[in-house]
Structure formats: C-alpha cells, structure tokens
Protein backbone atom coordinates (compact mmCIF):
# COMPACT_ATOMS: atom_id res chain seq x y z
CA MET A 1 110.39 99.70 49.78
CA ALA A 2 114.18 100.21 48.69
CA GLU A 3 114.82 100.82 52.24
CA ALA A 4 113.42 97.50 53.57
CA ALA A 5 115.65 95.83 50.99
CA LEU A 6 118.75 97.34 51.70
CA ASN A 7 118.37 96.57 55.42
CA ASN A 8 117.48 92.89 54.65
CA TYR A 9 120.96 93.19 52.41
CA LEU A 10 122.94 94.62 55.19
CA ASP A 11 121.40 92.45 58.24
CA GLY A 12 121.54 89.08 55.97
CA HIS A 13 124.10 88.31 53.03
CA ALA A 14 126.44 91.80 53.83
CA THR A 15 127.57 89.92 57.10
CA THR A 16 128.89 87.38 55.33
CA ILE A 17 131.28 89.22 53.17
CA ARG A 18 134.67 90.30 53.54
CA SER A 19 133.44 93.89 52.13
CA GLU A 20 130.87 94.05 54.93
CA SER A 21 131.63 97.89 55.82
CA ASP A 22 131.45 98.71 52.12
CA ALA A 23 128.34 97.28 51.54
CA THR A 24 127.35 99.39 55.05
CA ARG A 25 128.62 102.63 53.69
CA ALA A 26 127.18 101.85 49.96
CA VAL A 27 123.54 101.30 51.53
CA THR A 28 123.91 104.60 54.02
CA LEU A 29 124.44 106.79 50.74
CA ALA A 30 122.00 104.75 49.21
CA LYS A 31 119.40 105.24 51.50
CA GLN A 32 120.66 108.86 51.97
CA TYR A 33 120.64 109.85 48.55
CA LEU A 34 116.81 108.74 48.85
CA ALA A 35 115.91 111.10 51.15
CA ASP A 36 117.90 114.40 50.42
CA LYS A 37 118.20 114.39 46.68
CA ALA A 38 115.44 111.99 45.49
CA LYS A 39 113.29 113.89 48.19
CA ASN A 40 111.70 110.31 47.94
CA PRO A 41 112.60 108.10 51.43
CA MET A 42 109.69 105.69 51.21
CA ALA A 43 110.85 104.79 47.27
CA PRO A 44 109.97 101.34 46.08
CA VAL A 45 112.41 99.31 44.66
CA SER A 46 111.24 99.89 41.00
CA PHE A 47 112.29 103.66 41.24
CA TRP A 48 115.69 102.67 40.24
CA THR A 49 115.40 103.08 36.81
CA PRO A 50 118.79 103.77 34.20
CA SER A 51 117.78 107.41 34.70
CA ARG A 52 117.82 106.71 38.89
CA GLN A 53 121.18 104.93 38.45
CA LEU A 54 122.61 107.87 36.87
CA GLU A 55 121.82 110.54 39.07
CA PHE A 56 122.70 108.81 42.14
CA ALA A 57 125.91 108.39 40.03
CA LYS A 58 126.06 111.76 40.13
CA TRP A 59 125.35 112.74 43.32
CA LEU A 60 128.07 110.91 44.30
CA ARG A 61 130.18 112.35 42.65
CA ASP A 62 128.94 116.02 43.04
CA SER A 63 128.66 115.54 46.66
CA PHE A 64 131.81 113.17 47.64
CA GLY A 65 133.96 113.26 44.45
CA HIS A 66 133.81 109.26 43.87
CA SER A 67 135.79 107.81 41.23
CA PRO A 68 133.78 106.17 38.47
CA ALA A 69 135.18 102.77 39.97
CA SER A 70 133.89 103.67 43.37
CA ILE A 71 130.41 104.56 42.01
CA GLU A 72 130.48 101.24 40.84
CA ARG A 73 131.09 99.64 43.74
CA ARG A 74 128.17 101.59 45.21
CA LEU A 75 125.59 100.79 41.98
CA ASP A 76 126.74 97.30 42.50
CA VAL A 77 126.07 96.71 46.28
CA VAL A 78 122.27 98.20 45.77
CA CYS A 79 122.16 96.08 42.74
CA ALA A 80 122.98 92.77 45.11
CA ALA A 81 120.92 94.49 47.91
CA PHE A 82 117.61 93.78 45.10
CA ARG A 83 118.85 90.66 43.35
CA GLU A 84 118.98 88.92 46.99
CA MET A 85 114.75 89.65 47.13
CA THR A 86 114.29 87.59 44.60
CA GLU A 87 115.98 84.89 45.91
CA VAL A 88 113.78 81.61 46.75
CA LYS A 89 114.87 80.91 50.22
CA LEU A 90 114.28 80.13 53.71
CA ARG A 91 112.69 83.35 55.23
CA THR A 92 110.96 84.32 58.19
CA ASP A 93 107.58 85.39 58.02
CA PRO A 94 105.81 88.31 59.77
CA PHE A 95 104.27 85.79 61.81
CA GLY A 96 107.57 83.91 63.16
CA GLN A 97 107.08 81.19 61.09
CA THR A 98 109.74 79.83 58.67
CA VAL A 99 108.71 80.28 54.74
CA GLU A 100 111.12 79.14 51.40
CA THR A 101 110.23 82.43 49.29
CA ALA A 102 111.06 84.81 47.51
CA LEU A 103 110.22 88.71 48.15
CA MET A 104 109.88 89.74 44.83
CA THR A 105 110.01 88.63 41.41
CA HIS A 106 112.34 90.52 39.38
CA ALA A 107 114.70 93.20 40.03
CA PRO A 108 115.90 96.55 38.48
CA LYS A 109 118.67 96.09 35.69
CA PHE A 110 121.82 97.96 37.03
CA VAL A 111 123.95 99.10 33.49
CA TYR A 112 126.27 101.48 34.38
CA LYS A 113 130.18 99.90 34.65
CA ARG A 114 132.70 102.63 35.60
CA ALA A 115 133.68 103.20 31.94
CA ARG A 116 130.21 104.27 30.92
CA LEU A 117 129.99 106.44 33.89
CA ALA A 118 133.29 107.92 32.85
CA LYS A 119 131.75 109.08 29.63
CA GLU A 120 128.22 109.80 31.21
CA LEU A 121 130.43 111.78 34.10
CA LYS A 122 132.51 113.57 31.87
CA ILE A 123 135.44 112.47 33.98
CA ALA A 124 138.95 110.39 33.62
CA PRO A 125 137.86 107.01 33.67
CA SER A 126 139.91 105.42 37.35
CA LYS A 127 143.19 104.10 37.25
CA PRO A 128 144.21 100.78 38.28
CA ARG A 129 143.90 99.92 42.01
CA HIS A 130 147.14 98.34 42.49
CA THR A 131 150.27 99.75 41.28
CA THR A 132 153.12 96.93 40.16
CA LEU A 133 155.66 96.85 42.74
CA LEU A 134 159.40 96.23 41.21
CA ILE A 135 161.48 93.56 42.96
CA GLU A 136 163.57 96.37 44.29
CA ASP A 137 160.58 97.85 45.76
CA ILE A 138 159.76 94.39 47.79
CA ALA A 139 163.41 94.09 48.88
CA LYS A 140 163.59 97.41 50.34
CA ALA A 141 160.03 96.78 51.98
CA LEU A 142 161.42 93.30 53.22
CA ASP A 143 164.67 95.44 54.95
CA ALA A 144 162.70 97.90 56.41
CA MET A 145 160.35 95.77 58.50
CA LYS A 146 161.47 95.71 61.78
CA LEU A 147 158.64 94.18 63.43
CA GLU A 148 158.79 90.61 63.27
CA HIS A 149 154.80 89.33 62.88
CA LEU A 150 155.26 91.71 59.93
CA PHE A 151 158.33 90.29 58.20
CA ARG A 152 156.45 86.92 58.57
CA PHE A 153 153.24 88.28 56.96
CA ALA A 154 155.68 89.30 54.24
CA ILE A 155 157.16 86.01 53.72
CA ILE A 156 153.91 83.86 53.83
CA GLY A 157 152.13 86.27 51.41
CA LEU A 158 155.28 86.36 49.04
CA ASN A 159 155.60 82.17 49.23
CA THR A 160 151.75 81.89 48.70
CA TRP A 161 150.28 84.79 47.52
CA ALA A 162 147.29 84.44 49.84
CA ARG A 163 144.79 87.03 50.13
CA PRO A 164 145.56 89.15 53.49
CA GLU A 165 143.14 87.30 55.42
CA ALA A 166 144.03 84.22 54.97
CA ILE A 167 147.60 84.94 56.06
CA SER A 168 146.26 85.92 59.26
CA ASP A 169 144.45 83.13 60.05
CA PHE A 170 147.33 80.61 58.68
CA ASP A 171 148.48 78.05 61.28
CA PRO A 172 150.97 75.22 60.57
CA LYS A 173 149.83 72.98 63.11
CA THR A 174 146.78 72.22 60.91
CA GLN A 175 147.03 73.78 57.58
CA ARG A 176 150.38 72.55 56.86
CA VAL A 177 150.62 68.49 56.24
CA GLY A 178 153.10 66.66 53.61
CA GLY A 179 154.83 69.31 51.70
CA LEU A 180 151.16 71.15 50.97
CA ILE A 181 149.64 73.67 52.36
CA TYR A 182 145.72 73.97 53.03
CA LEU A 183 144.86 77.84 53.22
CA ASN A 184 141.32 76.90 54.32
CA PRO A 185 141.18 75.94 58.01
CA PRO A 186 139.59 73.11 58.66
CA ASP A 187 136.75 74.66 60.42
CA ARG A 188 136.21 77.08 58.34
CA VAL A 189 133.63 77.06 55.50
CA GLU A 190 134.40 78.00 51.82
CA THR A 191 133.23 81.08 50.54
CA ASN A 192 133.33 82.60 47.21
CA LYS A 193 136.69 83.87 47.61
CA ARG A 194 137.95 80.19 47.51
CA ARG A 195 141.36 79.54 49.38
CA PRO A 196 143.31 76.71 47.34
CA ASP A 197 145.81 74.00 48.68
CA ILE A 198 149.03 75.00 47.38
CA PRO A 199 152.56 73.00 47.34
CA GLU A 200 154.70 74.38 49.71
CA THR A 201 157.96 76.43 47.95
CA ARG A 202 161.28 76.15 49.49
CA CYS A 203 161.53 79.12 51.00
CA LEU A 204 158.92 78.88 52.80
CA ALA A 205 159.13 75.11 54.49
CA ALA A 206 162.46 76.12 56.00
CA TRP A 207 160.69 79.73 57.36
CA LEU A 208 157.96 77.39 59.28
CA ASP A 209 160.90 74.82 60.14
CA GLN A 210 162.47 77.57 61.98
CA TRP A 211 159.46 79.50 63.54
CA GLY A 212 158.16 76.47 64.55
CA THR A 213 154.48 75.36 65.86
CA ASP A 214 154.81 76.80 69.76
CA GLU A 215 152.79 79.88 69.36
CA PRO A 216 150.79 81.72 66.34
CA LEU A 217 152.55 82.74 63.71
CA LEU A 218 152.04 86.71 64.00
CA VAL A 219 152.31 87.72 67.41
CA PHE A 220 152.54 91.41 68.29
CA GLN A 221 153.46 92.33 72.32
CA GLY A 222 152.31 89.21 73.43
CA GLU A 223 149.03 89.47 70.97
CA ARG A 224 148.08 87.56 68.19
CA VAL A 225 147.25 89.94 65.33
CA ALA A 226 144.31 90.32 63.72
CA SER A 227 145.11 92.86 61.12
CA VAL A 228 148.52 94.55 60.01
CA LYS A 229 146.63 97.15 57.78
CA LYS A 230 148.11 99.92 60.07
CA ALA A 231 151.62 98.55 60.18
CA PHE A 232 151.74 98.59 56.64
CA ARG A 233 150.45 102.33 56.41
CA THR A 234 153.38 103.68 58.16
CA LEU A 235 155.52 101.62 56.50
CA SER A 236 154.29 102.52 53.33
CA LYS A 237 155.06 106.33 54.50
CA SER A 238 158.71 105.49 55.61
CA LEU A 239 159.01 104.01 52.31
CA GLY A 240 157.78 106.30 50.10
CA PHE A 241 155.23 104.14 47.74
CA LYS A 242 152.19 102.34 48.80
CA LEU A 243 152.40 99.20 50.34
CA ASN A 244 149.41 97.40 51.46
CA PRO A 245 148.77 93.23 52.61
CA GLY A 246 147.47 92.66 49.59
CA SER A 247 150.56 93.86 47.71
CA PHE A 248 152.46 90.41 47.81
CA ARG A 249 149.67 88.49 46.36
CA HIS A 250 149.67 91.15 42.95
CA PHE A 251 153.20 91.44 42.76
CA MET A 252 153.70 87.97 42.30
CA SER A 253 151.29 86.83 40.04
CA THR A 254 152.93 90.22 37.70
CA ARG A 255 156.57 88.74 38.48
CA VAL A 256 155.70 84.95 38.11
CA ARG A 257 153.66 85.67 34.34
CA GLY A 258 156.92 88.24 33.43
CA LEU A 259 159.58 86.11 33.93
CA CYS A 260 158.58 82.49 33.74
CA ARG A 261 157.16 82.31 30.83
CA HIS A 262 155.97 78.72 30.82
CA VAL A 263 154.09 78.74 33.82
CA SER A 264 150.54 78.92 32.57
CA ARG A 265 148.14 81.21 33.34
CA GLU A 266 145.49 78.30 34.45
CA GLN A 267 148.03 77.35 36.60
CA ARG A 268 148.74 80.90 38.22
CA SER A 269 145.03 80.72 38.29
CA ILE A 270 144.39 78.11 39.79
CA TRP A 271 146.99 78.71 42.92
CA MET A 272 145.67 81.80 43.54
CA GLY A 273 141.82 80.20 44.20
CA HIS A 274 140.41 81.23 40.74
CA VAL A 275 137.84 79.94 38.50
CA VAL A 276 139.99 79.34 35.55
CA LYS A 277 138.13 79.81 31.96
CA GLU A 278 139.68 76.45 30.55
CA GLY A 279 137.56 74.91 33.22
CA SER A 280 134.62 74.95 35.96
CA ARG A 281 133.77 74.37 39.44
CA THR A 282 131.68 71.32 37.91
CA THR A 283 135.02 69.71 36.00
CA ASP A 284 136.69 69.77 39.68
CA ASN A 285 133.88 67.32 40.94
CA TYR A 286 135.41 65.03 38.32
CA GLU A 287 139.12 66.00 38.25
CA ALA A 288 141.07 64.72 41.43
CA PHE A 289 143.54 67.50 42.71
CA ASP A 290 146.96 66.90 41.69
CA PRO A 291 149.84 68.54 43.35
CA GLU A 292 151.99 67.92 41.30
CA TYR A 293 150.13 70.36 38.14
CA LEU A 294 151.31 73.35 40.79
CA ARG A 295 154.78 72.68 41.54
CA ASP A 296 155.53 74.78 38.80
CA VAL A 297 154.18 77.86 40.67
CA ALA A 298 155.73 76.58 43.49
CA LEU A 299 159.52 76.92 41.57
CA ALA A 300 158.50 80.21 40.52
CA THR A 301 157.74 81.48 43.45
CA ASP A 302 161.05 80.24 44.96
CA TYR A 303 162.90 81.74 41.45
CA VAL A 304 161.38 85.31 42.79
CA MET A 305 162.16 84.59 45.72
CA GLU A 306 165.85 84.15 44.49
CA GLN A 307 165.74 87.66 42.89
CA ILE A 308 164.26 89.38 45.68
CA GLN A 309 167.24 88.50 47.73
CA ALA A 310 169.87 89.12 45.01
CA LYS A 311 168.67 92.42 46.12
CA CYS A 312 167.75 92.36 49.53
CA SER A 313 170.17 93.07 52.64
CA ARG A 314 168.42 90.94 55.22
CA GLN A 315 168.17 86.97 54.62
CA ILE A 316 165.26 85.95 52.90
CA LEU A 317 166.38 82.27 52.33
CA LEU A 318 167.02 80.51 54.63
CA THR A 319 168.12 77.00 52.05
CA LYS A 320 171.02 77.07 50.41
CA THR A 321 169.59 74.88 47.69
CA ARG A 322 168.97 77.15 44.50
CA LEU A 323 167.07 76.26 41.86
CA THR A 324 169.17 74.53 39.59
CA LYS A 325 169.77 75.40 35.50
CA ARG A 326 167.74 72.85 34.49
CA GLU A 327 164.19 74.22 36.46
CA ILE A 328 164.80 77.10 35.99
CA ALA A 329 165.13 75.77 32.08
CA HIS A 330 161.65 74.46 32.79
CA LEU A 331 159.70 77.59 33.65
CA GLY A 332 161.32 79.51 30.51
CA ALA A 333 163.68 81.81 33.14
CA ARG A 334 166.53 83.10 32.59
CA ALA A 335 169.40 82.13 35.01
CA GLY A 336 171.00 85.48 35.33
CA GLY A 337 167.86 86.93 37.09
CA GLU A 338 165.02 89.20 36.05
CA ALA A 339 163.94 89.66 32.37
CA LYS A 340 164.35 93.09 30.56
C-alpha cells in the first residue's frame, strides 16, 4: 500500500536527511489526500498515476495555497518514498530475520515539476527562494548584530560559504589544521550534502586566532548554540529585508562570480561542496586534492570582505594585510571596489 511505503520512508531514509520535517509534512499531506480527497486510504502504490499526481497538486493548491515549487517538493518526497522501496538493501522481514531484498519491482514515474505545474494549474511560476543581497545589505546586517554568537556565525559563514549546519558544527580545535578548514567534522559521516576542505581566508584566520579554542565558538547565555534561525528572524524584522542563516552562502557565491571574473565556476563549485559538470566523484578518486587550487576562491572571499568593510561601521577585518594590486589583477577584480 502507498501508506505503508510512505511510513517506511519516514521511519528509514527520512531520518537521515536535513529536511526530515519537510518530508514528514509531505507524507502527512499525501496520506490526508488519500483519505479525504481520493477517498481511498488503502490505495496501492500504483494508484499514483500522472493524473492522480496532478489531482494531488490541485488539492494542495486549493486546500493550502501551495506554490508550484512547494508542490514539486511534496511530489519529490512521495516519489522518493516509492523509489526507496525498489532498492535492494538489508531489511527486516515479518519474522525478524535480516534479508537483502527490494520490496517492489518498480515505482510510478513522477512527471510534474514546477514549470509544468504552474502551466497546468494556471498560476504564476514560483519566484526564486533567495533574493540577491547587496554588499550594503550585508554591511548593514553586520552593524546591527548585537549578539556575539550571531556575529561569529556571520563571519564564519561569509568566509567559508558553508551551510548553516556546518557553521554550527564547526570546531577549530579539530577542523582547522595547517591553514586548511575541514568543514566535515572527523566523527561525522559524509552525506550527499558534502562539506569540503578549503583554505582558510586571511579574514577568518585572524578572527579564529582572536576567538581561541577554549570554548565553543557559538555560545549564548552559557549554552552552545544549536540553531540561529529564530535570531535571524528577529534581525530580519529590524533590517527591513530577509536574512537567514543560508543567505551568506548565496551572497558570497554571487558576489565572487560578479566581482572576480577569473575565479572559475568549477573552483566555486568545489568550494561549496558541489559536484562539478567538468568532473565526477570517480575522477576525485584519481586526482589528489590540492588546496592551492582553491586559493583563488580564498583570495576572492577576502576581496569581498574588504568591500563589505568599506560599507561597514564595525571592524570585520582584524588584519591590516590587504590584497595587493597584483592579487586583485590576478582575480580579475577592480581595484576600486564593486563592479558596476
């Protein structure tokens, strides 16, 4: 049954992903749709034909006002739940024995993505989730950060482009060695959301030296900070624009691309932990990682931090060492500041 497959996904793979709460919500809505709209809570997996997928999409739109992007994510979860049932893996059978098997031979094909959903539902396509912040916006945000742990989070995020979870986990005692930052902690199992090894920037190196390693970097009222989402929501209200823990990653990628034309897309992708089109993970097994390959990204990051400092009232650059004219020319950046 479809409900059994959905529950199996929630109890298994969904517990290992960052978006577990989103997966839980998608499964809840799928089961509610089967019971309330389709009037078939015991429907088999084969029930989810393209026409049923579209009916589910219309129900989500009419009942909850979902956008095409939100509907796409709900459908992706249902698709993943069914696809997981077709994978051969070790499972526990009804008798408590461990067997290597798949629970289904094939899964329905899910055909609707946000563009097609927008067309079928006759609604405007979803806008991008992330707006491009300006250097002035980041400078204003840094000036407005009164909480020390929030400022530290921002400095680490701007200098590493890391995902929020990687920033919260970061411990320089074990993840900072010989001028390199190992964003994946030694005891953490790597996932598809890869955390790369990157050279530390001059800006970050100076801050880490000042902060020291006697206590966790992100501390509030004597307790280590696990999440900064609430603090960022409060900050955003005072700023007048949306700023979230992931904003720094998108901001830096966009600004380096626009300001430093000699920093390649491949370098930026590797720095962010993405698999680049020019290569593959198999290629990674043959090519030894050379930190020098990403030095240009580190320099470009320091260059953007200099542009932010020029707009920022508080001190964000502890070192007086600035990029030389030769380094700026090497990056393909303008010595005078932000490109027009």
